[in-house]
Every structure is written in structure tokens, then in C-alpha cells.
């Protein structure tokens, strides 16, 4: 799609909605070379939110909070999706890929059998804000060749509904609009929504998919449960539920994520996510022996 402004069609009517199972506050941690982040989706939630492994939210206008960036580090067995709301970050990796993420852009990387990459700020002042999501790979794909794509803002499909809701479709599809990336095994849905105060947005979600909402501006209500700023709402898996209704209390911006669970064992050691401890040990040995891309 060369023009990211898409024409939406009416979405399917939701008959039974999902409610909120629980609200997650996240954990403020340091990562990379000392970047301050809010780790919203943490290790203990990986099985509940399978196929998602991690969601980090970062945002600061203080260079000391982000300037050190994320120097070279390895990954194996999953995908990383970096969504930059504001700022400039340069990616380089051992497979020969290099690119720049800027305002509104997305970087989608499949680590597969192994890659070493860095993500370094290309600014020394101003606001840097965005998210990094880790999406698991099925066992059959964990050792595929690494893959990388930069998706600038103009290539992220977006549309505005008659009620003023603006939708950016990073992955999956909604209202007849396909997102920038599709994945057959995990079927991820990744939306960025801007909802005016008092407006309700409806999003179909397939039965069996795990789903959550992260509010990063304003406040929303889902089935009577308030979700404040910088909070994640895990949506319940009520049998027969076919979607979610989200009402904005104030002008609100949020992420909606859903995916088909893999239902496979999860074994993680830092930046390696495999299915067994033996595979993790092999990952460490391969990295030390220089066998990554």
C-alpha cells in the first residue's frame, strides 16, 4: 500500500463482548545500556498472553533516560516489533540490515535462528516515545533465517471513522483494512487507536485469541471497568465472546493487541526464547561460537 490512508468498511456486529480480567500496572526497569522503560507485559504473563512475550513502553524528553540506547545484543526464537511514536532510532544487525525508525514508523524483525543487533538513538534532545513488543515464533519457525523490515509512517495503513476514531493498523486487519504485516501462525492484531471523548469503538477478536489493551493517553472503560493511563487491561476469554467495546472517557489513545496462542512450551534465557532448556543451551553455545547471522 503506497498510500497509508485507507478506506474502511463497516465491521461485523459484536454480539458478546469480552470484559477485563485484570489491570496490570507494569514494572519500571532499566534495559539496554540504561534506558528507562515501563515493562507492561512481563515474564509471568507470557503463558496467559501467549503468543506475546513482552511489551515495553518507553517515553521521555530527558536525553539521560534514553541516550545510551541498546548496544549490540543477540536474539533467537521470536520476533521484535518496535513502534516509534516520536524520535529517531537506528537499527543495525549482523545479517547486514540497517534502517531508521522515525515518528510513527515500525521496525519488524524476525530473529529466527539468531541475529545480533543494536538500536541506538539518533537524537540527543527532544522526546523519544514508543513500544517494543516481543512476539513468539512456533517451534517450526524458531530456526528460520532472520528477516527485517522498516515500515515508515506512510506505509502503516490508517483511517478515520465517522465518529472521529482514528485507527492505525500495524498488523492483522480491521474494518476491511489489512495491516502492514500479517503472520499466519500467530495471527497478530496490533492497532493504535485515537478515540474522542465519549465515543465507543468496537473491535472483533476471534474466539480463542488472547488479547489486551494498553492505554497510553487518557482513560477508557471496558465493560464497566476503568482503564487509566499507563495501564494494561487483560481481556477475559469468555466463551462465545467475539470482540471488545472500548469507550473513551477523555480523548484517549491506546493499543489493542490480540493473537492466536501457540500452546507450546516457553523456555527463556534473556534474549533467547525456545521450547526446551536444551535448545536454550544450544543457543548460548551458538552465540558464543559466532554462529549467529
Protein backbone atom coordinates (compact mmCIF):
# COMPACT_ATOMS: atom_id res chain seq x y z
CA UNK A 1 0.00 0.00 0.00
CA UNK A 2 1.65 3.21 -1.15
CA UNK A 3 -0.93 5.49 0.42
CA UNK A 4 -1.49 4.58 4.04
CA UNK A 5 -4.83 6.40 4.21
CA UNK A 6 -7.24 3.53 3.74
CA UNK A 7 -10.99 3.34 3.22
CA UNK A 8 -12.69 1.36 5.95
CA UNK A 9 -15.85 -0.67 5.67
CA UNK A 10 -18.34 -1.43 8.41
CA UNK A 11 -17.09 -4.03 10.84
CA UNK A 12 -19.04 -7.07 11.95
CA UNK A 13 -21.57 -6.62 14.73
CA UNK A 14 -20.26 -7.81 18.09
CA UNK A 15 -22.82 -9.94 19.90
CA UNK A 16 -20.94 -10.83 23.09
CA UNK A 17 -18.08 -8.72 24.38
CA UNK A 18 -15.03 -9.52 26.43
CA UNK A 19 -14.62 -7.95 29.83
CA UNK A 20 -11.50 -7.10 31.81
CA UNK A 21 -9.88 -9.99 33.65
CA UNK A 22 -7.38 -7.77 35.46
CA UNK A 23 -5.48 -4.50 35.27
CA UNK A 24 -1.68 -4.51 35.06
CA UNK A 25 0.43 -1.57 36.20
CA UNK A 26 3.74 -2.69 34.71
CA UNK A 27 7.22 -2.53 36.19
CA UNK A 28 9.71 0.29 35.71
CA UNK A 29 13.07 -1.23 34.83
CA UNK A 30 16.37 -0.37 33.16
CA UNK A 31 17.30 -2.13 29.93
CA UNK A 32 19.94 -1.87 27.22
CA UNK A 33 22.69 0.48 28.38
CA UNK A 34 20.44 2.07 30.98
CA UNK A 35 17.24 3.06 29.17
CA UNK A 36 14.30 3.63 31.50
CA UNK A 37 11.21 1.68 30.41
CA UNK A 38 7.85 0.50 31.73
CA UNK A 39 7.72 -3.27 31.24
CA UNK A 40 4.00 -3.81 30.87
CA UNK A 41 3.94 -7.45 29.78
CA UNK A 42 6.37 -9.38 31.97
CA UNK A 43 7.57 -12.98 32.10
CA UNK A 44 4.85 -14.26 34.46
CA UNK A 45 2.20 -13.21 31.89
CA UNK A 46 3.75 -15.00 28.91
CA UNK A 47 1.61 -18.10 29.14
CA UNK A 48 -1.58 -16.14 29.82
CA UNK A 49 -0.96 -13.84 26.84
CA UNK A 50 0.63 -16.41 24.51
CA UNK A 51 1.88 -15.69 21.78
CA UNK A 52 3.05 -12.35 23.23
CA UNK A 53 6.21 -12.47 25.33
CA UNK A 54 6.89 -8.87 26.36
CA UNK A 55 5.68 -5.31 25.89
CA UNK A 56 7.89 -2.38 26.86
CA UNK A 57 6.67 1.22 26.82
CA UNK A 58 9.30 3.94 26.78
CA UNK A 59 8.93 7.68 26.75
CA UNK A 60 10.97 10.63 27.95
CA UNK A 61 12.09 14.09 26.86
CA UNK A 62 15.17 13.76 29.08
CA UNK A 63 18.14 12.52 26.99
CA UNK A 64 19.69 10.84 30.01
CA UNK A 65 16.77 8.41 30.06
CA UNK A 66 17.38 7.09 26.53
CA UNK A 67 20.63 8.35 25.01
CA UNK A 68 22.63 5.19 25.86
CA UNK A 69 20.27 3.13 23.70
CA UNK A 70 20.52 -0.61 23.16
CA UNK A 71 24.03 -1.60 22.03
CA UNK A 72 24.70 -4.91 20.26
CA UNK A 73 22.84 -7.86 21.76
CA UNK A 74 21.60 -11.23 20.42
CA UNK A 75 18.13 -12.70 19.89
CA UNK A 76 16.87 -16.14 18.86
CA UNK A 77 13.45 -17.75 18.54
CA UNK A 78 10.98 -14.85 18.30
CA UNK A 79 10.11 -11.53 16.62
CA UNK A 80 10.61 -7.97 17.84
CA UNK A 81 8.27 -5.16 16.79
CA UNK A 82 9.37 -1.63 17.64
CA UNK A 83 6.75 1.09 17.16
CA UNK A 84 8.14 4.62 17.42
CA UNK A 85 5.64 7.33 18.31
CA UNK A 86 8.28 10.06 18.47
CA UNK A 87 12.03 10.15 17.98
CA UNK A 88 14.70 8.53 15.83
CA UNK A 89 16.30 5.12 16.39
CA UNK A 90 18.82 3.41 14.10
CA UNK A 91 18.87 -0.37 13.70
CA UNK A 92 21.90 -2.39 12.60
CA UNK A 93 22.21 -6.16 12.67
CA UNK A 94 24.62 -8.98 11.89
CA UNK A 95 22.53 -10.09 8.90
CA UNK A 96 23.52 -6.87 7.13
CA UNK A 97 20.30 -4.93 7.71
CA UNK A 98 20.30 -1.26 8.64
CA UNK A 99 17.43 1.16 8.96
CA UNK A 100 15.99 4.15 10.77
CA UNK A 101 12.73 4.25 12.69
CA UNK A 102 11.21 7.72 12.90
CA UNK A 103 7.94 9.25 14.11
CA UNK A 104 5.10 6.79 13.56
CA UNK A 105 7.31 4.12 11.99
CA UNK A 106 7.59 0.42 12.76
CA UNK A 107 10.57 -1.92 12.72
CA UNK A 108 9.66 -5.62 12.42
CA UNK A 109 12.49 -8.10 12.94
CA UNK A 110 12.32 -11.88 12.92
CA UNK A 111 15.30 -13.12 14.92
CA UNK A 112 14.72 -16.72 13.85
CA UNK A 113 17.84 -18.87 14.29
CA UNK A 114 19.83 -15.94 15.60
CA UNK A 115 20.84 -12.35 14.96
CA UNK A 116 22.87 -9.71 16.79
CA UNK A 117 21.52 -6.19 16.54
CA UNK A 118 21.70 -2.73 18.03
CA UNK A 119 19.11 0.02 18.39
CA UNK A 120 20.68 3.40 19.03
CA UNK A 121 19.06 6.85 19.30
CA UNK A 122 19.96 9.33 16.58
CA UNK A 123 18.99 12.34 18.65
CA UNK A 124 20.48 13.97 21.71
CA UNK A 125 17.48 16.05 22.71
CA UNK A 126 13.71 16.03 22.47
CA UNK A 127 11.04 13.43 23.07
CA UNK A 128 11.58 9.74 22.42
CA UNK A 129 8.50 7.58 22.87
CA UNK A 130 7.35 4.20 21.67
CA UNK A 131 6.92 0.50 22.33
CA UNK A 132 8.73 -2.76 21.79
CA UNK A 133 6.69 -5.94 21.53
CA UNK A 134 8.08 -9.48 21.52
CA UNK A 135 6.01 -11.97 19.51
CA UNK A 136 6.79 -15.67 19.83
CA UNK A 137 7.51 -17.96 16.89
CA UNK A 138 6.15 -21.51 16.62
CA UNK A 139 8.65 -24.32 17.15
CA UNK A 140 8.66 -24.97 13.40
CA UNK A 141 9.91 -21.42 12.70
CA UNK A 142 12.34 -20.77 15.53
CA UNK A 143 15.35 -21.65 13.38
CA UNK A 144 14.33 -19.86 10.17
CA UNK A 145 16.60 -17.24 8.61
CA UNK A 146 16.48 -13.77 10.19
CA UNK A 147 14.21 -11.22 8.48
CA UNK A 148 13.88 -7.47 8.82
CA UNK A 149 11.58 -4.74 7.53
CA UNK A 150 11.35 -0.99 8.15
CA UNK A 151 7.79 0.34 7.82
CA UNK A 152 7.65 4.16 7.67
CA UNK A 153 4.57 6.05 8.85
CA UNK A 154 3.30 6.49 5.30
CA UNK A 155 3.17 2.69 4.85
CA UNK A 156 1.18 1.99 8.03
CA UNK A 157 -2.48 1.84 6.91
CA UNK A 158 -4.74 4.26 8.76
CA UNK A 159 -8.29 5.52 8.51
CA UNK A 160 -10.76 7.67 10.42
CA UNK A 161 -14.31 6.55 11.15
CA UNK A 162 -17.35 8.81 11.02
CA UNK A 163 -17.34 9.15 14.82
CA UNK A 164 -13.78 10.52 14.76
CA UNK A 165 -11.90 7.38 15.80
CA UNK A 166 -8.52 7.16 14.02
CA UNK A 167 -7.14 3.67 13.52
CA UNK A 168 -3.60 2.66 12.54
CA UNK A 169 -3.29 -0.98 11.54
CA UNK A 170 0.21 -2.28 12.27
CA UNK A 171 -0.69 -5.97 11.98
CA UNK A 172 -3.78 -8.02 11.27
CA UNK A 173 -6.88 -6.37 9.86
CA UNK A 174 -9.90 -4.35 10.97
CA UNK A 175 -12.85 -2.73 9.19
CA UNK A 176 -11.72 -4.39 5.97
CA UNK A 177 -8.26 -2.82 6.10
CA UNK A 178 -5.20 -5.07 6.17
CA UNK A 179 -2.28 -4.03 8.34
CA UNK A 180 1.33 -3.57 7.35
CA UNK A 181 2.29 -7.12 8.42
CA UNK A 182 0.46 -10.45 8.56
CA UNK A 183 1.56 -13.65 10.32
CA UNK A 184 -0.14 -16.98 9.60
CA UNK A 185 0.72 -18.89 12.77
CA UNK A 186 0.05 -16.29 15.45
CA UNK A 187 -2.44 -14.10 13.52
CA UNK A 188 -1.46 -10.96 15.48
CA UNK A 189 -3.74 -7.94 15.63
CA UNK A 190 -1.89 -4.72 16.51
CA UNK A 191 -3.89 -1.49 16.43
CA UNK A 192 -3.15 2.06 17.56
CA UNK A 193 -6.45 3.86 18.27
CA UNK A 194 -7.23 7.52 18.95
CA UNK A 195 -10.74 7.74 20.38
CA UNK A 196 -12.52 11.05 21.08
CA UNK A 197 -14.09 11.56 24.50
CA UNK A 198 -17.44 9.82 24.85
CA UNK A 199 -17.02 7.65 21.75
CA UNK A 200 -17.16 3.84 21.83
CA UNK A 201 -15.06 1.71 19.49
CA UNK A 202 -15.90 -1.90 18.72
CA UNK A 203 -13.27 -4.43 17.63
CA UNK A 204 -13.95 -8.06 16.70
CA UNK A 205 -11.49 -10.55 18.24
CA UNK A 206 -11.58 -14.22 17.23
CA UNK A 207 -12.64 -16.68 19.91
CA UNK A 208 -9.59 -18.35 21.42
CA UNK A 209 -7.23 -15.44 20.79
CA UNK A 210 -5.57 -13.87 23.81
CA UNK A 211 -5.97 -10.10 23.90
CA UNK A 212 -5.10 -6.99 25.87
CA UNK A 213 -5.43 -3.22 25.72
CA UNK A 214 -2.76 -0.71 26.75
CA UNK A 215 -3.85 2.89 27.39
CA UNK A 216 -1.07 5.44 26.95
CA UNK A 217 -3.16 8.64 26.76
CA UNK A 218 -6.39 9.41 28.57
CA UNK A 219 -8.75 6.88 30.13
CA UNK A 220 -11.06 4.17 28.80
CA UNK A 221 -13.86 1.96 30.08
CA UNK A 222 -14.29 -1.68 29.01
CA UNK A 223 -17.49 -3.37 30.19
CA UNK A 224 -17.74 -1.05 33.19
CA UNK A 225 -14.08 -1.36 34.19
CA UNK A 226 -11.94 1.78 34.09
CA UNK A 227 -8.50 1.54 32.49
CA UNK A 228 -6.29 4.50 33.31
CA UNK A 229 -3.25 5.92 31.58
CA UNK A 230 -0.17 3.65 31.55
CA UNK A 231 -2.32 0.64 32.46
CA UNK A 232 -2.86 -2.63 30.61
CA UNK A 233 -6.18 -4.44 30.65
CA UNK A 234 -6.04 -8.18 30.04
CA UNK A 235 -9.29 -9.14 28.31
CA UNK A 236 -11.06 -12.22 29.55
CA UNK A 237 -11.60 -15.30 27.41
CA UNK A 238 -15.34 -15.58 27.98
CA UNK A 239 -16.68 -18.48 25.84
CA UNK A 240 -18.51 -17.16 22.81
CA UNK A 241 -17.20 -13.60 23.15
CA UNK A 242 -16.44 -12.20 19.70
CA UNK A 243 -14.97 -8.77 20.41
CA UNK A 244 -14.41 -5.83 22.71
CA UNK A 245 -16.11 -2.45 23.21
CA UNK A 246 -13.92 0.41 24.41
CA UNK A 247 -15.35 3.76 25.48
CA UNK A 248 -13.11 6.79 25.90
CA UNK A 249 -13.78 8.90 29.00
CA UNK A 250 -11.38 11.60 27.83
CA UNK A 251 -9.56 11.92 24.49
CA UNK A 252 -7.74 8.60 24.58
CA UNK A 253 -5.02 6.79 22.67
CA UNK A 254 -4.39 3.11 23.18
CA UNK A 255 -3.09 -0.12 21.72
CA UNK A 256 -5.24 -3.18 21.07
CA UNK A 257 -3.33 -6.45 20.69
CA UNK A 258 -4.61 -9.96 20.11
CA UNK A 259 -3.10 -13.19 18.84
CA UNK A 260 -3.68 -16.89 18.39
CA UNK A 261 -1.88 -18.78 21.18
CA UNK A 262 0.73 -21.30 20.10
CA UNK A 263 0.13 -23.57 23.06
CA UNK A 264 3.78 -24.66 23.10
CA UNK A 265 6.30 -24.76 25.96
CA UNK A 266 8.13 -21.47 26.57
CA UNK A 267 11.76 -21.63 27.68
CA UNK A 268 13.51 -18.27 28.01
CA UNK A 269 17.02 -17.23 28.92
CA UNK A 270 17.36 -13.48 28.47
CA UNK A 271 17.22 -12.71 24.73
CA UNK A 272 16.68 -16.35 23.70
CA UNK A 273 13.17 -17.86 23.64
CA UNK A 274 12.91 -21.53 22.71
CA UNK A 275 10.81 -24.55 23.72
CA UNK A 276 13.27 -26.54 25.85
CA UNK A 277 16.25 -25.97 28.14
CA UNK A 278 18.42 -27.99 25.75
CA UNK A 279 17.55 -25.57 22.94
CA UNK A 280 18.45 -22.64 25.18
CA UNK A 281 21.82 -24.18 25.95
CA UNK A 282 22.41 -24.66 22.23
CA UNK A 283 21.50 -21.02 21.62
CA UNK A 284 24.08 -19.86 24.15
CA UNK A 285 26.72 -22.13 22.62
CA UNK A 286 25.92 -20.97 19.08
CA UNK A 287 26.12 -17.32 20.10
CA UNK A 288 29.46 -17.77 21.87
CA UNK A 289 30.81 -19.69 18.87
CA UNK A 290 29.81 -16.89 16.47
CA UNK A 291 27.21 -18.98 14.64
CA UNK A 292 24.51 -16.29 14.59
CA UNK A 293 23.88 -14.39 11.32
